[in-house]
């Protein structure tokens, strides 16, 4: 069962709900798609969408990395050499994790279609379903409450609120959310590196009675030593995001004294499912909980992250809402959402069906 043809294309996916985080405003979404064609009509599809500010890779870098013959090393190869192929992908594309992720996901999709099993089942599914958070950008108090009410009406019960511009306003937003929703809505925050040590302490001190679920990447990514020096009760709430790009980073974060209680894995940082599972193993053996997050992405890569997340017994949180506000996509299917709870389907591979492509 050999890889006969590879097609690559970029597509603008649109964004119905632009939002602001600590270091940028997201208004448009584009992704690069990789389509691997096998014998007998089987295919695998992957998608990549980098965050340039986090990994230094632009969407143009992603497209270049998978174009112009750069994937020829896969042509004619037997998909049953799966682990060897994955190792070669990671080795041959070291500077472009989103490009690696696109190829990695396509290989996983193709291989598990060949096996005729859903990806999660192949990976050893441990969890049936989890509630995803939905993201509210940096906004004033009134607009935050309005958007939270909208999500509540749609059945979601977990909010991820972006913070990091003004800690006093952030604290006020938390207080108002608790005042309006009580404990009906779970609230987690993501400061996207926007806090100083003093800001973080102030936020923790003034919200610790508000049952904030976790605090994602409060300080700059390179300040791991600062995180390691925090009191344990604060560290246990912290999810490392921009500080965690690779299995090596996971090892460093988990080494005593640990820097955080939670790893936030994103396929676009790690370079796909293959290295993400290595991070998950480090989490399991170090006693670290897992969160699986995303950029604004196609359902292709969101589905891949969901399959992977459900395969680890230490997964506690998912934040996989990155495809919900796209104007268009190139696939349908892959997962279902009911009252905010996400499930994969029983279809083989990712379970997505290609509806638009350049194939």
Protein backbone atom coordinates (compact mmCIF):
# COMPACT_ATOMS: atom_id res chain seq x y z
CA UNK A 1 0.00 0.00 0.00
CA UNK A 2 2.15 2.82 -1.34
CA UNK A 3 1.91 6.61 -1.47
CA UNK A 4 1.30 7.32 -5.15
CA UNK A 5 0.63 11.05 -5.25
CA UNK A 6 0.89 14.11 -3.01
CA UNK A 7 -1.18 17.26 -3.44
CA UNK A 8 -0.69 20.48 -1.49
CA UNK A 9 -2.77 23.64 -1.45
CA UNK A 10 -3.46 26.68 0.71
CA UNK A 11 -6.96 27.94 1.39
CA UNK A 12 -8.38 30.99 3.17
CA UNK A 13 -11.01 29.74 5.60
CA UNK A 14 -12.39 33.03 6.89
CA UNK A 15 -13.28 33.91 10.47
CA UNK A 16 -16.77 34.83 11.63
CA UNK A 17 -15.62 36.10 15.02
CA UNK A 18 -12.30 38.03 15.12
CA UNK A 19 -10.79 38.31 18.60
CA UNK A 20 -7.88 39.87 20.46
CA UNK A 21 -5.31 38.19 22.69
CA UNK A 22 -2.36 39.67 24.56
CA UNK A 23 -0.02 39.86 21.57
CA UNK A 24 -2.22 39.94 18.45
CA UNK A 25 -5.68 40.23 16.91
CA UNK A 26 -6.91 37.26 14.87
CA UNK A 27 -9.16 38.29 12.00
CA UNK A 28 -8.34 35.87 9.14
CA UNK A 29 -7.58 32.16 9.04
CA UNK A 30 -5.68 30.25 6.36
CA UNK A 31 -4.44 26.68 6.31
CA UNK A 32 -2.17 24.52 4.18
CA UNK A 33 -3.54 21.09 3.27
CA UNK A 34 -1.59 17.95 2.42
CA UNK A 35 -3.38 15.11 0.58
CA UNK A 36 -1.63 11.75 0.30
CA UNK A 37 -3.12 9.39 -2.29
CA UNK A 38 -2.62 5.65 -1.78
CA UNK A 39 -3.52 2.56 -3.78
CA UNK A 40 -7.15 1.51 -4.22
CA UNK A 41 -8.54 5.01 -3.70
CA UNK A 42 -7.45 5.45 -0.08
CA UNK A 43 -6.13 8.84 0.96
CA UNK A 44 -5.00 10.76 3.99
CA UNK A 45 -5.44 14.46 4.62
CA UNK A 46 -3.61 16.79 6.98
CA UNK A 47 -3.66 20.51 7.66
CA UNK A 48 -1.23 23.06 9.07
CA UNK A 49 -1.85 26.53 10.48
CA UNK A 50 1.07 28.03 12.43
CA UNK A 51 1.15 30.80 15.00
CA UNK A 52 4.11 32.82 13.76
CA UNK A 53 4.56 34.70 17.04
CA UNK A 54 4.90 31.40 18.90
CA UNK A 55 6.94 29.15 16.59
CA UNK A 56 8.45 31.62 14.10
CA UNK A 57 6.72 29.97 11.14
CA UNK A 58 4.44 31.90 8.78
CA UNK A 59 1.73 30.35 6.66
CA UNK A 60 3.99 31.02 3.66
CA UNK A 61 6.77 29.07 5.40
CA UNK A 62 4.36 26.20 5.92
CA UNK A 63 3.35 26.19 2.28
CA UNK A 64 6.96 26.32 1.06
CA UNK A 65 8.02 23.49 3.35
CA UNK A 66 5.52 21.05 1.84
CA UNK A 67 5.80 22.23 -1.78
CA UNK A 68 8.30 22.03 -4.66
CA UNK A 69 9.32 18.44 -4.25
CA UNK A 70 10.06 18.70 -0.52
CA UNK A 71 7.82 15.69 0.15
CA UNK A 72 9.22 13.51 -2.61
CA UNK A 73 10.90 11.33 0.01
CA UNK A 74 7.40 9.96 0.73
CA UNK A 75 6.52 9.04 -2.85
CA UNK A 76 6.46 5.31 -3.51
CA UNK A 77 6.83 4.51 0.18
CA UNK A 78 4.74 1.82 1.82
CA UNK A 79 2.32 3.28 4.39
CA UNK A 80 3.05 0.20 6.52
CA UNK A 81 6.47 1.75 7.22
CA UNK A 82 4.48 4.19 9.29
CA UNK A 83 6.84 4.84 12.21
CA UNK A 84 9.84 5.17 9.92
CA UNK A 85 7.96 7.67 7.76
CA UNK A 86 6.97 9.70 10.80
CA UNK A 87 10.55 9.85 12.03
CA UNK A 88 11.71 11.03 8.61
CA UNK A 89 9.06 13.76 8.55
CA UNK A 90 10.22 15.06 11.92
CA UNK A 91 13.87 14.94 10.81
CA UNK A 92 13.42 16.49 7.36
CA UNK A 93 11.34 19.53 8.41
CA UNK A 94 12.91 20.75 11.67
CA UNK A 95 12.07 24.47 11.38
CA UNK A 96 8.39 24.26 10.41
CA UNK A 97 6.25 22.45 13.00
CA UNK A 98 2.92 23.29 11.34
CA UNK A 99 4.19 21.84 8.06
CA UNK A 100 5.34 18.73 9.93
CA UNK A 101 1.93 18.53 11.56
CA UNK A 102 0.14 18.67 8.20
CA UNK A 103 2.16 15.72 6.86
CA UNK A 104 2.04 13.85 10.18
CA UNK A 105 -1.76 14.10 10.31
CA UNK A 106 -2.12 12.99 6.69
CA UNK A 107 0.03 9.94 7.43
CA UNK A 108 -2.02 9.05 10.50
CA UNK A 109 -5.25 9.45 8.53
CA UNK A 110 -4.00 7.29 5.66
CA UNK A 111 -2.52 4.58 7.87
CA UNK A 112 -5.56 4.15 10.10
CA UNK A 113 -7.84 4.15 7.05
CA UNK A 114 -5.66 1.32 5.73
CA UNK A 115 -6.19 -0.47 9.06
CA UNK A 116 -9.91 0.43 8.88
CA UNK A 117 -10.02 1.79 12.44
CA UNK A 118 -10.61 5.27 13.89
CA UNK A 119 -7.37 7.00 14.85
CA UNK A 120 -8.36 7.21 18.53
CA UNK A 121 -8.92 3.46 18.65
CA UNK A 122 -5.53 2.82 17.05
CA UNK A 123 -3.91 5.07 19.65
CA UNK A 124 -5.64 3.23 22.51
CA UNK A 125 -8.63 5.41 23.34
CA UNK A 126 -9.02 6.00 27.09
CA UNK A 127 -11.73 8.67 27.17
CA UNK A 128 -15.07 8.76 25.34
CA UNK A 129 -15.88 12.45 25.51
CA UNK A 130 -14.81 15.73 27.10
CA UNK A 131 -16.25 19.27 27.14
CA UNK A 132 -14.35 21.78 25.07
CA UNK A 133 -13.93 25.35 26.19
CA UNK A 134 -14.96 28.18 23.90
CA UNK A 135 -12.83 31.27 23.72
CA UNK A 136 -13.69 34.87 24.56
CA UNK A 137 -11.06 37.38 23.47
CA UNK A 138 -9.86 40.41 25.40
CA UNK A 139 -12.96 42.58 25.76
CA UNK A 140 -14.58 44.92 28.21
CA UNK A 141 -16.79 43.51 30.96
CA UNK A 142 -20.09 44.12 29.17
CA UNK A 143 -19.00 42.47 25.92
CA UNK A 144 -17.46 39.56 27.83
CA UNK A 145 -20.77 38.87 29.57
CA UNK A 146 -22.71 39.20 26.32
CA UNK A 147 -20.55 36.63 24.55
CA UNK A 148 -20.63 34.32 27.58
CA UNK A 149 -24.44 34.45 27.54
CA UNK A 150 -24.42 33.51 23.86
CA UNK A 151 -22.22 30.45 24.50
CA UNK A 152 -24.35 29.47 27.47
CA UNK A 153 -27.41 29.54 25.23
CA UNK A 154 -25.64 27.25 22.76
CA UNK A 155 -25.05 24.67 25.48
CA UNK A 156 -21.36 25.30 26.23
CA UNK A 157 -20.38 25.25 29.89
CA UNK A 158 -16.63 25.92 29.77
CA UNK A 159 -15.25 29.38 28.93
CA UNK A 160 -11.65 30.27 28.18
CA UNK A 161 -11.27 34.00 28.71
CA UNK A 162 -8.30 35.77 27.16
CA UNK A 163 -6.52 38.16 29.53
CA UNK A 164 -3.17 39.90 29.80
CA UNK A 165 -3.71 43.56 28.85
CA UNK A 166 -4.84 44.92 32.24
CA UNK A 167 -4.87 42.70 35.31
CA UNK A 168 -7.40 44.86 37.17
CA UNK A 169 -9.91 44.62 34.32
CA UNK A 170 -9.19 40.90 34.08
CA UNK A 171 -10.08 40.47 37.76
CA UNK A 172 -13.26 42.50 37.28
CA UNK A 173 -14.29 40.30 34.34
CA UNK A 174 -13.83 37.18 36.47
CA UNK A 175 -15.89 38.65 39.30
CA UNK A 176 -18.74 39.60 36.96
CA UNK A 177 -18.76 36.18 35.29
CA UNK A 178 -19.11 34.53 38.70
CA UNK A 179 -21.77 37.03 39.74
CA UNK A 180 -23.87 36.33 36.65
CA UNK A 181 -23.29 32.59 36.17
CA UNK A 182 -22.34 31.31 39.63
CA UNK A 183 -20.81 27.87 39.19
CA UNK A 184 -22.86 27.01 36.11
CA UNK A 185 -19.98 27.98 33.84
CA UNK A 186 -16.45 26.67 34.31
CA UNK A 187 -13.98 29.50 33.70
CA UNK A 188 -10.34 29.18 32.69
CA UNK A 189 -8.09 32.07 31.61
CA UNK A 190 -5.28 32.50 29.11
CA UNK A 191 -2.95 35.45 29.58
CA UNK A 192 -0.81 34.60 26.51
CA UNK A 193 2.40 35.70 28.30
CA UNK A 194 0.85 39.04 29.26
CA UNK A 195 1.52 39.07 33.02
CA UNK A 196 4.49 40.00 35.13
CA UNK A 197 5.26 38.05 38.30
CA UNK A 198 3.43 40.73 40.27
CA UNK A 199 0.40 40.69 37.96
CA UNK A 200 0.13 36.92 38.28
CA UNK A 201 0.29 37.04 42.07
CA UNK A 202 -2.35 39.78 42.15
CA UNK A 203 -4.63 37.88 39.79
CA UNK A 204 -4.28 34.70 41.84
CA UNK A 205 -4.81 36.41 45.20
CA UNK A 206 -7.95 38.25 44.08
CA UNK A 207 -9.56 35.37 42.12
CA UNK A 208 -8.69 32.32 44.24
CA UNK A 209 -12.18 32.37 45.76
CA UNK A 210 -13.76 32.45 42.26
CA UNK A 211 -12.88 28.86 41.34
CA UNK A 212 -10.81 29.65 38.25
CA UNK A 213 -10.04 26.27 36.68
CA UNK A 214 -6.58 27.06 35.28
CA UNK A 215 -4.31 29.90 34.20
CA UNK A 216 -2.72 29.37 30.81
CA UNK A 217 0.78 30.76 30.10
CA UNK A 218 0.65 33.80 32.38
CA UNK A 219 4.27 34.94 31.90
CA UNK A 220 6.65 35.11 28.91
CA UNK A 221 7.59 31.74 27.43
CA UNK A 222 11.28 32.04 28.28
CA UNK A 223 10.64 32.68 31.99
CA UNK A 224 10.49 29.02 32.99
CA UNK A 225 12.66 29.67 36.05
CA UNK A 226 10.09 32.19 37.25
CA UNK A 227 7.39 29.52 36.99
CA UNK A 228 9.56 26.98 38.82
CA UNK A 229 9.95 29.45 41.70
CA UNK A 230 6.23 30.06 42.22
CA UNK A 231 4.32 28.65 45.19
CA UNK A 232 2.96 25.17 44.53
CA UNK A 233 -0.67 26.25 44.80
CA UNK A 234 -0.17 28.67 41.90
CA UNK A 235 1.97 26.32 39.80
CA UNK A 236 -0.68 23.62 40.01
CA UNK A 237 -3.12 25.94 38.21
CA UNK A 238 -0.72 26.90 35.42
CA UNK A 239 -0.92 25.37 31.96
CA UNK A 240 2.28 25.83 29.97
CA UNK A 241 1.50 26.78 26.36
CA UNK A 242 4.02 28.95 24.55
CA UNK A 243 6.74 27.50 26.81
CA UNK A 244 5.92 24.00 25.53
CA UNK A 245 6.81 23.32 21.92
CA UNK A 246 8.55 19.95 22.02
CA UNK A 247 9.17 16.82 24.08
CA UNK A 248 12.44 18.42 25.19
CA UNK A 249 10.49 21.41 26.56
CA UNK A 250 8.14 19.02 28.35
CA UNK A 251 11.08 17.32 30.02
CA UNK A 252 12.52 20.66 31.12
CA UNK A 253 9.18 21.89 32.45
CA UNK A 254 8.57 18.67 34.38
CA UNK A 255 12.09 18.43 35.85
CA UNK A 256 12.19 19.29 39.54
CA UNK A 257 11.12 21.74 40.63
CA UNK A 258 8.23 21.45 38.16
CA UNK A 259 7.17 24.65 36.41
CA UNK A 260 3.47 23.88 36.04
CA UNK A 261 0.72 21.39 36.76
CA UNK A 262 -0.61 21.22 33.20
CA UNK A 263 0.86 20.86 29.71
CA UNK A 264 -1.10 22.44 26.86
CA UNK A 265 -0.30 20.40 23.75
CA UNK A 266 -0.98 21.92 20.35
CA UNK A 267 -0.20 19.95 17.22
CA UNK A 268 0.92 23.12 15.44
CA UNK A 269 3.63 23.64 18.06
CA UNK A 270 4.73 20.05 18.54
CA UNK A 271 4.82 19.12 14.85
CA UNK A 272 1.90 16.71 14.82
CA UNK A 273 0.45 13.74 16.66
CA UNK A 274 3.67 11.70 16.72
CA UNK A 275 5.67 14.12 18.95
CA UNK A 276 2.51 15.16 20.82
CA UNK A 277 2.19 11.60 22.08
CA UNK A 278 5.79 11.79 23.32
CA UNK A 279 4.86 14.90 25.30
CA UNK A 280 1.81 13.05 26.64
CA UNK A 281 4.04 10.22 27.89
CA UNK A 282 6.29 12.68 29.71
CA UNK A 283 3.17 14.19 31.28
CA UNK A 284 1.92 10.82 32.43
CA UNK A 285 5.20 9.75 34.02
CA UNK A 286 5.81 13.15 35.65
CA UNK A 287 2.35 13.48 37.17
CA UNK A 288 1.41 16.41 34.91
CA UNK A 289 -2.15 16.84 33.63
CA UNK A 290 -2.84 17.42 29.94
CA UNK A 291 -4.76 20.07 28.08
CA UNK A 292 -5.04 19.88 24.29
CA UNK A 293 -5.40 23.23 22.54
CA UNK A 294 -5.36 24.67 19.04
CA UNK A 295 -4.97 27.69 16.84
CA UNK A 296 -7.77 28.74 14.53
CA UNK A 297 -7.63 25.65 12.34
CA UNK A 298 -9.44 23.43 9.88
CA UNK A 299 -11.56 20.60 11.26
CA UNK A 300 -8.86 18.32 9.83
CA UNK A 301 -6.28 19.19 12.48
CA UNK A 302 -8.86 19.85 15.21
CA UNK A 303 -10.14 16.30 14.71
CA UNK A 304 -6.60 14.91 14.83
CA UNK A 305 -6.00 16.69 18.15
CA UNK A 306 -9.28 15.36 19.53
CA UNK A 307 -8.40 11.77 18.62
CA UNK A 308 -4.99 12.17 20.26
CA UNK A 309 -6.40 13.82 23.37
CA UNK A 310 -8.82 10.97 24.00
CA UNK A 311 -5.97 8.44 23.88
CA UNK A 312 -4.20 9.69 27.02
CA UNK A 313 -5.46 8.83 30.47
CA UNK A 314 -4.02 12.09 31.88
CA UNK A 315 -6.00 14.34 29.55
CA UNK A 316 -8.20 16.54 31.72
CA UNK A 317 -9.00 19.53 29.51
CA UNK A 318 -9.59 20.24 25.84
CA UNK A 319 -9.77 23.61 24.13
CA UNK A 320 -10.57 22.54 20.58
CA UNK A 321 -12.95 25.23 19.37
CA UNK A 322 -10.64 26.47 16.61
CA UNK A 323 -12.84 25.41 13.68
CA UNK A 324 -16.21 26.49 15.05
CA UNK A 325 -16.13 30.04 13.65
CA UNK A 326 -14.64 29.30 10.23
CA UNK A 327 -16.63 30.52 7.26
CA UNK A 328 -15.60 27.54 5.10
CA UNK A 329 -13.64 24.31 5.43
CA UNK A 330 -12.46 21.58 3.06
CA UNK A 331 -13.91 18.65 5.03
CA UNK A 332 -16.99 17.66 6.95
CA UNK A 333 -17.44 15.22 9.79
CA UNK A 334 -14.67 14.04 12.11
CA UNK A 335 -16.34 14.88 15.39
CA UNK A 336 -19.65 15.78 16.97
CA UNK A 337 -20.44 18.38 19.64
CA UNK A 338 -23.44 18.11 21.95
CA UNK A 339 -23.84 20.62 24.79
CA UNK A 340 -20.15 21.39 24.42
CA UNK A 341 -19.01 17.76 24.68
CA UNK A 342 -16.86 16.54 21.79
CA UNK A 343 -16.73 12.98 20.47
CA UNK A 344 -14.98 11.36 17.54
CA UNK A 345 -16.96 9.23 15.12
CA UNK A 346 -16.62 5.52 14.37
CA UNK A 347 -15.35 6.18 10.83
CA UNK A 348 -11.81 4.98 10.03
CA UNK A 349 -8.91 7.39 10.14
CA UNK A 350 -9.82 10.89 11.20
CA UNK A 351 -13.37 10.31 10.06
CA UNK A 352 -13.41 13.47 7.94
CA UNK A 353 -14.76 13.55 4.41
CA UNK A 354 -13.14 15.76 1.78
CA UNK A 355 -15.66 18.12 0.25
CA UNK A 356 -13.38 20.64 -1.48
CA UNK A 357 -9.80 20.35 -2.63
CA UNK A 358 -7.24 21.02 -5.35
CA UNK A 359 -6.79 17.29 -5.93
